[in-house]
Every structure is written in structure tokens, then in C-alpha cells.
């Protein structure tokens, strides 16, 4: 598989990637920009020193963190400004202000 081959497969998500990809040197595999961004970006992930399994673990950890964060937002709507605004409207708090 050369660099200019159009049919490269991402080692993390197994999707076909075009020329916009990154070479993981230790594993001799490719990674798509979406998976690299999920793993922490190019500033955090050194594709020349990590294996594809380590990058996949970073992606999995990031997805778990996001799932936990979304679960907290669902269970406690006061964590966001929109949730606080809705709570104030429902309970009759405040006057003379709007959602902006």
C-alpha cells in the first residue's frame, strides 16, 4: 500500500479513507482524520510512536468520556444555561429578562 493508493482502510473505524489520512508507522496502518480528532488531535497523538491499538484505546476512552458527560446532562438539566433558563420559566423565577 503506497501513499497515493486511493483505497486505504482506517485501522480504527475500518472505513475507507482517501488521500486525507495519517500513517501509523509502528503498525504500518492508516488512520482517518476523524479518528485522529477523536483520539485527541495531532498535538496529543504522535502517530510515529503509537500503535493502532493504542490509538483505538484513546478513541474508546474519549467516546466513554463523552457518553458519561451526555448522561450527566440528561440527568441534571441545570448543568447548562438552557436548562437553568427553562427551570426559571417553569418555576416563575426572575422578571424582565429573556433567553439571551
PDB file of N, CA and C in Angstrom:
ATOM      1  N   UNK A   1       0.833  -1.180   0.000  1.00  0.00           N
ATOM      2  CA  UNK A   1       0.000   0.000   0.000  1.00  0.00           C
ATOM      3  C   UNK A   1       0.876   1.241   0.000  1.00  0.00           C
ATOM      4  N   UNK A   2       0.869   1.949  -1.090  1.00  0.00           N
ATOM      5  CA  UNK A   2       1.632   3.174  -1.167  1.00  0.00           C
ATOM      6  C   UNK A   2       0.819   4.364  -0.692  1.00  0.00           C
ATOM      7  N   UNK A   3       1.469   5.484  -0.638  1.00  0.00           N
ATOM      8  CA  UNK A   3       0.801   6.687  -0.154  1.00  0.00           C
ATOM      9  C   UNK A   3      -0.305   7.136  -1.094  1.00  0.00           C
ATOM     10  N   UNK A   4      -0.106   6.999  -2.389  1.00  0.00           N
ATOM     11  CA  UNK A   4      -1.086   7.503  -3.347  1.00  0.00           C
ATOM     12  C   UNK A   4      -2.165   6.485  -3.708  1.00  0.00           C
ATOM     13  N   UNK A   5      -2.198   5.339  -3.022  1.00  0.00           N
ATOM     14  CA  UNK A   5      -3.299   4.408  -3.220  1.00  0.00           C
ATOM     15  C   UNK A   5      -4.576   5.046  -2.693  1.00  0.00           C
ATOM     16  N   UNK A   6      -5.621   4.987  -3.469  1.00  0.00           N
ATOM     17  CA  UNK A   6      -6.881   5.606  -3.047  1.00  0.00           C
ATOM     18  C   UNK A   6      -7.669   4.722  -2.101  1.00  0.00           C
ATOM     19  N   UNK A   7      -7.397   3.449  -2.085  1.00  0.00           N
ATOM     20  CA  UNK A   7      -8.153   2.540  -1.244  1.00  0.00           C
ATOM     21  C   UNK A   7      -7.339   2.162  -0.021  1.00  0.00           C
ATOM     22  N   UNK A   8      -7.391   2.992   0.978  1.00  0.00           N
ATOM     23  CA  UNK A   8      -6.753   2.700   2.255  1.00  0.00           C
ATOM     24  C   UNK A   8      -7.865   2.584   3.294  1.00  0.00           C
ATOM     25  N   UNK A   9      -7.675   1.721   4.264  1.00  0.00           N
ATOM     26  CA  UNK A   9      -8.664   1.476   5.297  1.00  0.00           C
ATOM     27  C   UNK A   9      -8.136   2.016   6.622  1.00  0.00           C
ATOM     28  N   UNK A  10      -9.008   2.746   7.337  1.00  0.00           N
ATOM     29  CA  UNK A  10      -8.640   3.257   8.660  1.00  0.00           C
ATOM     30  C   UNK A  10      -8.504   2.072   9.611  1.00  0.00           C
ATOM     31  N   UNK A  11      -7.436   2.047  10.369  1.00  0.00           N
ATOM     32  CA  UNK A  11      -7.196   0.946  11.294  1.00  0.00           C
ATOM     33  C   UNK A  11      -8.064   0.981  12.529  1.00  0.00           C
ATOM     34  N   UNK A  12      -8.741   2.100  12.792  1.00  0.00           N
ATOM     35  CA  UNK A  12      -9.569   2.216  13.981  1.00  0.00           C
ATOM     36  C   UNK A  12     -11.035   1.938  13.654  1.00  0.00           C
ATOM     37  N   UNK A  13     -11.575   2.643  12.653  1.00  0.00           N
ATOM     38  CA  UNK A  13     -13.009   2.527  12.346  1.00  0.00           C
ATOM     39  C   UNK A  13     -13.298   1.653  11.132  1.00  0.00           C
ATOM     40  N   UNK A  14     -12.264   1.184  10.454  1.00  0.00           N
ATOM     41  CA  UNK A  14     -12.377   0.305   9.279  1.00  0.00           C
ATOM     42  C   UNK A  14     -13.160   0.925   8.126  1.00  0.00           C
ATOM     43  N   UNK A  15     -13.167   2.237   8.037  1.00  0.00           N
ATOM     44  CA  UNK A  15     -13.787   2.915   6.902  1.00  0.00           C
ATOM     45  C   UNK A  15     -12.716   3.187   5.848  1.00  0.00           C
ATOM     46  N   UNK A  16     -13.150   3.308   4.626  1.00  0.00           N
ATOM     47  CA  UNK A  16     -12.226   3.632   3.539  1.00  0.00           C
ATOM     48  C   UNK A  16     -11.904   5.119   3.599  1.00  0.00           C
ATOM     49  N   UNK A  17     -10.630   5.445   3.525  1.00  0.00           N
ATOM     50  CA  UNK A  17     -10.201   6.841   3.563  1.00  0.00           C
ATOM     51  C   UNK A  17      -9.517   7.182   2.252  1.00  0.00           C
ATOM     52  N   UNK A  18      -9.589   8.440   1.890  1.00  0.00           N
ATOM     53  CA  UNK A  18      -8.946   8.905   0.668  1.00  0.00           C
ATOM     54  C   UNK A  18      -7.522   9.334   0.946  1.00  0.00           C
ATOM     55  N   UNK A  19      -7.115  10.401   0.297  1.00  0.00           N
ATOM     56  CA  UNK A  19      -5.744  10.877   0.479  1.00  0.00           C
ATOM     57  C   UNK A  19      -5.565  11.660   1.769  1.00  0.00           C
ATOM     58  N   UNK A  20      -6.652  12.060   2.397  1.00  0.00           N
ATOM     59  CA  UNK A  20      -6.577  12.777   3.669  1.00  0.00           C
ATOM     60  C   UNK A  20      -6.515  11.746   4.797  1.00  0.00           C
ATOM     61  N   UNK A  21      -5.306  11.290   5.120  1.00  0.00           N
ATOM     62  CA  UNK A  21      -5.105  10.243   6.113  1.00  0.00           C
ATOM     63  C   UNK A  21      -3.723  10.394   6.723  1.00  0.00           C
ATOM     64  N   UNK A  22      -3.490   9.657   7.791  1.00  0.00           N
ATOM     65  CA  UNK A  22      -2.222   9.709   8.500  1.00  0.00           C
ATOM     66  C   UNK A  22      -1.658   8.300   8.633  1.00  0.00           C
ATOM     67  N   UNK A  23      -0.370   8.174   8.497  1.00  0.00           N
ATOM     68  CA  UNK A  23       0.310   6.880   8.561  1.00  0.00           C
ATOM     69  C   UNK A  23       0.731   6.603   9.998  1.00  0.00           C
ATOM     70  N   UNK A  24       0.315   5.458  10.528  1.00  0.00           N
ATOM     71  CA  UNK A  24       0.757   4.993  11.840  1.00  0.00           C
ATOM     72  C   UNK A  24       1.934   4.070  11.578  1.00  0.00           C
ATOM     73  N   UNK A  25       3.126   4.551  11.876  1.00  0.00           N
ATOM     74  CA  UNK A  25       4.340   3.864  11.438  1.00  0.00           C
ATOM     75  C   UNK A  25       4.603   2.557  12.166  1.00  0.00           C
ATOM     76  N   UNK A  26       4.342   2.496  13.461  1.00  0.00           N
ATOM     77  CA  UNK A  26       4.634   1.266  14.199  1.00  0.00           C
ATOM     78  C   UNK A  26       3.752   0.104  13.755  1.00  0.00           C
ATOM     79  N   UNK A  27       2.521   0.400  13.370  1.00  0.00           N
ATOM     80  CA  UNK A  27       1.590  -0.659  12.981  1.00  0.00           C
ATOM     81  C   UNK A  27       1.483  -0.828  11.481  1.00  0.00           C
ATOM     82  N   UNK A  28       2.123   0.020  10.725  1.00  0.00           N
ATOM     83  CA  UNK A  28       2.032   0.007   9.270  1.00  0.00           C
ATOM     84  C   UNK A  28       0.562   0.052   8.834  1.00  0.00           C
ATOM     85  N   UNK A  29      -0.158   1.025   9.392  1.00  0.00           N
ATOM     86  CA  UNK A  29      -1.591   1.179   9.106  1.00  0.00           C
ATOM     87  C   UNK A  29      -1.884   2.658   8.883  1.00  0.00           C
ATOM     88  N   UNK A  30      -3.111   2.926   8.466  1.00  0.00           N
ATOM     89  CA  UNK A  30      -3.567   4.291   8.229  1.00  0.00           C
ATOM     90  C   UNK A  30      -4.645   4.650   9.236  1.00  0.00           C
ATOM     91  N   UNK A  31      -4.776   5.946   9.506  1.00  0.00           N
ATOM     92  CA  UNK A  31      -5.829   6.434  10.390  1.00  0.00           C
ATOM     93  C   UNK A  31      -6.493   7.628   9.720  1.00  0.00           C
ATOM     94  N   UNK A  32      -7.815   7.683   9.815  1.00  0.00           N
ATOM     95  CA  UNK A  32      -8.549   8.789   9.189  1.00  0.00           C
ATOM     96  C   UNK A  32      -8.510  10.020  10.104  1.00  0.00           C
ATOM     97  N   UNK A  33      -8.738  11.209   9.562  1.00  0.00           N
ATOM     98  CA  UNK A  33      -8.696  12.428  10.374  1.00  0.00           C
ATOM     99  C   UNK A  33      -9.761  12.452  11.467  1.00  0.00           C
ATOM    100  N   UNK A  34     -10.911  11.819  11.228  1.00  0.00           N
ATOM    101  CA  UNK A  34     -11.968  11.795  12.241  1.00  0.00           C
ATOM    102  C   UNK A  34     -11.531  11.015  13.477  1.00  0.00           C
ATOM    103  N   UNK A  35     -10.923   9.859  13.272  1.00  0.00           N
ATOM    104  CA  UNK A  35     -10.446   9.051  14.398  1.00  0.00           C
ATOM    105  C   UNK A  35      -9.288   9.740  15.117  1.00  0.00           C
ATOM    106  N   UNK A  36      -8.425  10.401  14.367  1.00  0.00           N
ATOM    107  CA  UNK A  36      -7.327  11.133  14.990  1.00  0.00           C
ATOM    108  C   UNK A  36      -7.864  12.266  15.850  1.00  0.00           C
ATOM    109  N   UNK A  37      -8.891  12.941  15.379  1.00  0.00           N
ATOM    110  CA  UNK A  37      -9.503  14.021  16.155  1.00  0.00           C
ATOM    111  C   UNK A  37     -10.172  13.470  17.411  1.00  0.00           C
ATOM    112  N   UNK A  38     -10.856  12.321  17.298  1.00  0.00           N
ATOM    113  CA  UNK A  38     -11.493  11.705  18.461  1.00  0.00           C
ATOM    114  C   UNK A  38     -10.456  11.286  19.503  1.00  0.00           C
ATOM    115  N   UNK A  39      -9.281  10.860  19.048  1.00  0.00           N
ATOM    116  CA  UNK A  39      -8.227  10.409  19.961  1.00  0.00           C
ATOM    117  C   UNK A  39      -7.548  11.565  20.680  1.00  0.00           C
ATOM    118  N   UNK A  40      -7.743  12.785  20.209  1.00  0.00           N
ATOM    119  CA  UNK A  40      -7.147  13.928  20.888  1.00  0.00           C
ATOM    120  C   UNK A  40      -6.468  14.893  19.956  1.00  0.00           C
ATOM    121  N   UNK A  41      -6.422  14.594  18.691  1.00  0.00           N
ATOM    122  CA  UNK A  41      -5.822  15.501  17.721  1.00  0.00           C
ATOM    123  C   UNK A  41      -4.359  15.223  17.490  1.00  0.00           C
ATOM    124  N   UNK A  42      -3.838  15.898  16.506  1.00  0.00           N
ATOM    125  CA  UNK A  42      -2.445  15.678  16.118  1.00  0.00           C
ATOM    126  C   UNK A  42      -1.468  16.179  17.176  1.00  0.00           C
ATOM    127  N   UNK A  43      -1.893  17.121  18.011  1.00  0.00           N
ATOM    128  CA  UNK A  43      -0.990  17.627  19.042  1.00  0.00           C
ATOM    129  C   UNK A  43      -0.838  16.647  20.205  1.00  0.00           C
ATOM    130  N   UNK A  44      -1.817  15.787  20.426  1.00  0.00           N
ATOM    131  CA  UNK A  44      -1.756  14.833  21.536  1.00  0.00           C
ATOM    132  C   UNK A  44      -1.294  13.453  21.100  1.00  0.00           C
ATOM    133  N   UNK A  45      -1.644  13.066  19.884  1.00  0.00           N
ATOM    134  CA  UNK A  45      -1.347  11.722  19.399  1.00  0.00           C
ATOM    135  C   UNK A  45      -0.172  11.778  18.437  1.00  0.00           C
ATOM    136  N   UNK A  46       0.899  11.114  18.788  1.00  0.00           N
ATOM    137  CA  UNK A  46       2.070  11.034  17.927  1.00  0.00           C
ATOM    138  C   UNK A  46       1.968   9.745  17.126  1.00  0.00           C
ATOM    139  N   UNK A  47       1.592   9.862  15.852  1.00  0.00           N
ATOM    140  CA  UNK A  47       1.343   8.674  15.032  1.00  0.00           C
ATOM    141  C   UNK A  47       2.611   7.902  14.714  1.00  0.00           C
ATOM    142  N   UNK A  48       3.778   8.484  14.943  1.00  0.00           N
ATOM    143  CA  UNK A  48       5.008   7.749  14.670  1.00  0.00           C
ATOM    144  C   UNK A  48       5.469   6.931  15.875  1.00  0.00           C
ATOM    145  N   UNK A  49       4.906   7.163  17.050  1.00  0.00           N
ATOM    146  CA  UNK A  49       5.347   6.443  18.244  1.00  0.00           C
ATOM    147  C   UNK A  49       4.288   5.522  18.829  1.00  0.00           C
ATOM    148  N   UNK A  50       3.014   5.674  18.447  1.00  0.00           N
ATOM    149  CA  UNK A  50       1.943   4.850  18.983  1.00  0.00           C
ATOM    150  C   UNK A  50       1.525   3.790  17.969  1.00  0.00           C
ATOM    151  N   UNK A  51       0.986   2.696  18.478  1.00  0.00           N
ATOM    152  CA  UNK A  51       0.442   1.668  17.599  1.00  0.00           C
ATOM    153  C   UNK A  51      -1.039   1.955  17.358  1.00  0.00           C
ATOM    154  N   UNK A  52      -1.615   1.262  16.397  1.00  0.00           N
ATOM    155  CA  UNK A  52      -3.017   1.468  16.061  1.00  0.00           C
ATOM    156  C   UNK A  52      -3.914   1.010  17.214  1.00  0.00           C
ATOM    157  N   UNK A  53      -3.481   0.007  17.981  1.00  0.00           N
ATOM    158  CA  UNK A  53      -4.253  -0.460  19.125  1.00  0.00           C
ATOM    159  C   UNK A  53      -4.287   0.594  20.225  1.00  0.00           C
ATOM    160  N   UNK A  54      -3.169   1.273  20.450  1.00  0.00           N
ATOM    161  CA  UNK A  54      -3.129   2.336  21.457  1.00  0.00           C
ATOM    162  C   UNK A  54      -4.000   3.522  21.044  1.00  0.00           C
ATOM    163  N   UNK A  55      -3.991   3.848  19.764  1.00  0.00           N
ATOM    164  CA  UNK A  55      -4.839   4.937  19.270  1.00  0.00           C
ATOM    165  C   UNK A  55      -6.308   4.546  19.377  1.00  0.00           C
ATOM    166  N   UNK A  56      -6.635   3.298  19.079  1.00  0.00           N
ATOM    167  CA  UNK A  56      -8.016   2.825  19.213  1.00  0.00           C
ATOM    168  C   UNK A  56      -8.467   2.887  20.673  1.00  0.00           C
ATOM    169  N   UNK A  57      -7.559   2.597  21.600  1.00  0.00           N
ATOM    170  CA  UNK A  57      -7.898   2.699  23.027  1.00  0.00           C
ATOM    171  C   UNK A  57      -8.163   4.151  23.411  1.00  0.00           C
ATOM    172  N   UNK A  58      -7.375   5.084  22.870  1.00  0.00           N
ATOM    173  CA  UNK A  58      -7.611   6.507  23.140  1.00  0.00           C
ATOM    174  C   UNK A  58      -8.970   6.954  22.602  1.00  0.00           C
ATOM    175  N   UNK A  59      -9.330   6.473  21.423  1.00  0.00           N
ATOM    176  CA  UNK A  59     -10.635   6.805  20.837  1.00  0.00           C
ATOM    177  C   UNK A  59     -11.749   6.243  21.714  1.00  0.00           C
ATOM    178  N   UNK A  60     -11.571   5.016  22.181  1.00  0.00           N
ATOM    179  CA  UNK A  60     -12.580   4.382  23.031  1.00  0.00           C
ATOM    180  C   UNK A  60     -12.739   5.147  24.347  1.00  0.00           C
ATOM    181  N   UNK A  61     -11.633   5.588  24.948  1.00  0.00           N
ATOM    182  CA  UNK A  61     -11.696   6.364  26.185  1.00  0.00           C
ATOM    183  C   UNK A  61     -12.414   7.689  25.966  1.00  0.00           C
ATOM    184  N   UNK A  62     -12.138   8.338  24.843  1.00  0.00           N
ATOM    185  CA  UNK A  62     -12.794   9.615  24.541  1.00  0.00           C
ATOM    186  C   UNK A  62     -14.294   9.428  24.342  1.00  0.00           C
ATOM    187  N   UNK A  63     -14.692   8.335  23.684  1.00  0.00           N
ATOM    188  CA  UNK A  63     -16.113   8.062  23.486  1.00  0.00           C
ATOM    189  C   UNK A  63     -16.806   7.761  24.805  1.00  0.00           C
ATOM    190  N   UNK A  64     -16.125   7.050  25.709  1.00  0.00           N
ATOM    191  CA  UNK A  64     -16.702   6.775  27.029  1.00  0.00           C
ATOM    192  C   UNK A  64     -16.883   8.061  27.830  1.00  0.00           C
ATOM    193  N   UNK A  65     -15.879   8.950  27.773  1.00  0.00           N
ATOM    194  CA  UNK A  65     -15.992  10.235  28.479  1.00  0.00           C
ATOM    195  C   UNK A  65     -17.168  11.053  27.962  1.00  0.00           C
ATOM    196  N   UNK A  66     -17.337  11.063  26.656  1.00  0.00           N
ATOM    197  CA  UNK A  66     -18.439  11.814  26.055  1.00  0.00           C
ATOM    198  C   UNK A  66     -19.780  11.215  26.447  1.00  0.00           C
ATOM    199  N   UNK A  67     -19.869   9.887  26.510  1.00  0.00           N
ATOM    200  CA  UNK A  67     -21.113   9.236  26.916  1.00  0.00           C
ATOM    201  C   UNK A  67     -21.458   9.568  28.369  1.00  0.00           C
ATOM    202  N   UNK A  68     -20.458   9.583  29.243  1.00  0.00           N
ATOM    203  CA  UNK A  68     -20.684   9.934  30.642  1.00  0.00           C
ATOM    204  C   UNK A  68     -21.131  11.383  30.757  1.00  0.00           C
ATOM    205  N   UNK A  69     -20.514  12.261  29.983  1.00  0.00           N
ATOM    206  CA  UNK A  69     -20.879  13.675  30.018  1.00  0.00           C
ATOM    207  C   UNK A  69     -22.311  13.881  29.532  1.00  0.00           C
ATOM    208  N   UNK A  70     -22.685  13.196  28.459  1.00  0.00           N
ATOM    209  CA  UNK A  70     -24.050  13.309  27.946  1.00  0.00           C
ATOM    210  C   UNK A  70     -25.061  12.750  28.948  1.00  0.00           C
ATOM    211  N   UNK A  71     -24.694  11.674  29.642  1.00  0.00           N
ATOM    212  CA  UNK A  71     -25.588  11.095  30.638  1.00  0.00           C
ATOM    213  C   UNK A  71     -25.802  12.061  31.800  1.00  0.00           C
ATOM    214  N   UNK A  72     -24.743  12.751  32.213  1.00  0.00           N
ATOM    215  CA  UNK A  72     -24.887  13.739  33.278  1.00  0.00           C
ATOM    216  C   UNK A  72     -25.791  14.884  32.860  1.00  0.00           C
ATOM    217  N   UNK A  73     -25.685  15.311  31.614  1.00  0.00           N
ATOM    218  CA  UNK A  73     -26.534  16.399  31.128  1.00  0.00           C
ATOM    219  C   UNK A  73     -28.002  15.996  31.096  1.00  0.00           C
ATOM    220  N   UNK A  74     -28.271  14.749  30.786  1.00  0.00           N
ATOM    221  CA  UNK A  74     -29.655  14.276  30.731  1.00  0.00           C
ATOM    222  C   UNK A  74     -30.251  14.210  32.133  1.00  0.00           C
ATOM    223  N   UNK A  75     -29.480  13.728  33.092  1.00  0.00           N
ATOM    224  CA  UNK A  75     -29.990  13.554  34.446  1.00  0.00           C
ATOM    225  C   UNK A  75     -30.031  14.853  35.241  1.00  0.00           C
ATOM    226  N   UNK A  76     -29.232  15.808  34.904  1.00  0.00           N
ATOM    227  CA  UNK A  76     -29.216  17.083  35.618  1.00  0.00           C
ATOM    228  C   UNK A  76     -29.283  18.221  34.606  1.00  0.00           C
ATOM    229  N   UNK A  77     -30.488  18.662  34.267  1.00  0.00           N
ATOM    230  CA  UNK A  77     -30.618  19.700  33.247  1.00  0.00           C
ATOM    231  C   UNK A  77     -30.096  21.067  33.684  1.00  0.00           C
ATOM    232  N   UNK A  78     -29.807  21.250  34.966  1.00  0.00           N
ATOM    233  CA  UNK A  78     -29.299  22.540  35.421  1.00  0.00           C
ATOM    234  C   UNK A  78     -27.812  22.724  35.132  1.00  0.00           C
ATOM    235  N   UNK A  79     -27.199  21.766  34.475  1.00  0.00           N
ATOM    236  CA  UNK A  79     -25.788  21.887  34.114  1.00  0.00           C
ATOM    237  C   UNK A  79     -25.571  22.802  32.919  1.00  0.00           C
ATOM    238  N   UNK A  80     -26.628  23.132  32.197  1.00  0.00           N
ATOM    239  CA  UNK A  80     -26.485  24.015  31.038  1.00  0.00           C
ATOM    240  C   UNK A  80     -27.286  25.287  31.268  1.00  0.00           C
ATOM    241  N   UNK A  81     -26.922  26.327  30.559  1.00  0.00           N
ATOM    242  CA  UNK A  81     -27.629  27.602  30.675  1.00  0.00           C
ATOM    243  C   UNK A  81     -29.072  27.464  30.189  1.00  0.00           C
ATOM    244  N   UNK A  82     -29.275  26.673  29.146  1.00  0.00           N
ATOM    245  CA  UNK A  82     -30.633  26.465  28.642  1.00  0.00           C
ATOM    246  C   UNK A  82     -31.499  25.758  29.680  1.00  0.00           C
ATOM    247  N   UNK A  83     -30.922  24.793  30.368  1.00  0.00           N
ATOM    248  CA  UNK A  83     -31.649  24.082  31.413  1.00  0.00           C
ATOM    249  C   UNK A  83     -32.018  25.000  32.559  1.00  0.00           C
ATOM    250  N   UNK A  84     -31.105  25.880  32.945  1.00  0.00           N
ATOM    251  CA  UNK A  84     -31.388  26.841  34.017  1.00  0.00           C
ATOM    252  C   UNK A  84     -32.491  27.810  33.609  1.00  0.00           C
ATOM    253  N   UNK A  85     -32.454  28.260  32.361  1.00  0.00           N
ATOM    254  CA  UNK A  85     -33.477  29.176  31.859  1.00  0.00           C
ATOM    255  C   UNK A  85     -34.847  28.503  31.865  1.00  0.00           C
ATOM    256  N   UNK A  86     -34.917  27.271  31.400  1.00  0.00           N
ATOM    257  CA  UNK A  86     -36.189  26.536  31.402  1.00  0.00           C
ATOM    258  C   UNK A  86     -36.705  26.327  32.822  1.00  0.00           C
ATOM    259  N   UNK A  87     -35.802  26.015  33.747  1.00  0.00           N
ATOM    260  CA  UNK A  87     -36.200  25.825  35.142  1.00  0.00           C
ATOM    261  C   UNK A  87     -36.788  27.106  35.717  1.00  0.00           C
ATOM    262  N   UNK A  88     -36.152  28.240  35.440  1.00  0.00           N
ATOM    263  CA  UNK A  88     -36.649  29.523  35.942  1.00  0.00           C
ATOM    264  C   UNK A  88     -38.010  29.853  35.344  1.00  0.00           C
ATOM    265  N   UNK A  89     -38.213  29.562  34.079  1.00  0.00           N
ATOM    266  CA  UNK A  89     -39.509  29.821  33.455  1.00  0.00           C
ATOM    267  C   UNK A  89     -40.606  28.952  34.071  1.00  0.00           C
ATOM    268  N   UNK A  90     -40.321  27.691  34.290  1.00  0.00           N
ATOM    269  CA  UNK A  90     -41.319  26.769  34.830  1.00  0.00           C
ATOM    270  C   UNK A  90     -41.698  27.103  36.263  1.00  0.00           C
ATOM    271  N   UNK A  91     -40.739  27.609  37.035  1.00  0.00           N
ATOM    272  CA  UNK A  91     -40.980  27.856  38.453  1.00  0.00           C
ATOM    273  C   UNK A  91     -41.247  29.324  38.783  1.00  0.00           C
ATOM    274  N   UNK A  92     -41.303  30.177  37.775  1.00  0.00           N
ATOM    275  CA  UNK A  92     -41.666  31.580  37.981  1.00  0.00           C
ATOM    276  C   UNK A  92     -40.593  32.450  38.625  1.00  0.00           C
ATOM    277  N   UNK A  93     -39.339  32.109  38.431  1.00  0.00           N
ATOM    278  CA  UNK A  93     -38.247  32.933  38.959  1.00  0.00           C
ATOM    279  C   UNK A  93     -37.861  33.994  37.940  1.00  0.00           C
ATOM    280  N   UNK A  94     -37.437  35.149  38.421  1.00  0.00           N
ATOM    281  CA  UNK A  94     -36.901  36.198  37.569  1.00  0.00           C
ATOM    282  C   UNK A  94     -38.002  36.984  36.851  1.00  0.00           C
ATOM    283  N   UNK A  95     -37.637  38.197  36.475  1.00  0.00           N
ATOM    284  CA  UNK A  95     -38.559  39.019  35.689  1.00  0.00           C
ATOM    285  C   UNK A  95     -37.739  40.037  34.916  1.00  0.00           C
ATOM    286  N   UNK A  96     -38.249  40.419  33.748  1.00  0.00           N
ATOM    287  CA  UNK A  96     -37.576  41.421  32.956  1.00  0.00           C
ATOM    288  C   UNK A  96     -36.371  40.905  32.191  1.00  0.00           C
ATOM    289  N   UNK A  97     -36.263  39.628  31.940  1.00  0.00           N
ATOM    290  CA  UNK A  97     -35.144  39.104  31.167  1.00  0.00           C
ATOM    291  C   UNK A  97     -35.659  38.079  30.174  1.00  0.00           C
ATOM    292  N   UNK A  98     -34.842  37.762  29.180  1.00  0.00           N
ATOM    293  CA  UNK A  98     -35.215  36.783  28.179  1.00  0.00           C
ATOM    294  C   UNK A  98     -34.121  35.749  28.044  1.00  0.00           C
ATOM    295  N   UNK A  99     -34.249  34.878  27.072  1.00  0.00           N
ATOM    296  CA  UNK A  99     -33.288  33.775  26.946  1.00  0.00           C
ATOM    297  C   UNK A  99     -31.899  34.208  26.499  1.00  0.00           C
ATOM    298  N   UNK A 100     -31.753  35.414  25.991  1.00  0.00           N
ATOM    299  CA  UNK A 100     -30.430  35.890  25.566  1.00  0.00           C
ATOM    300  C   UNK A 100     -29.630  36.336  26.757  1.00  0.00           C
TER     301      UNK A 100
END
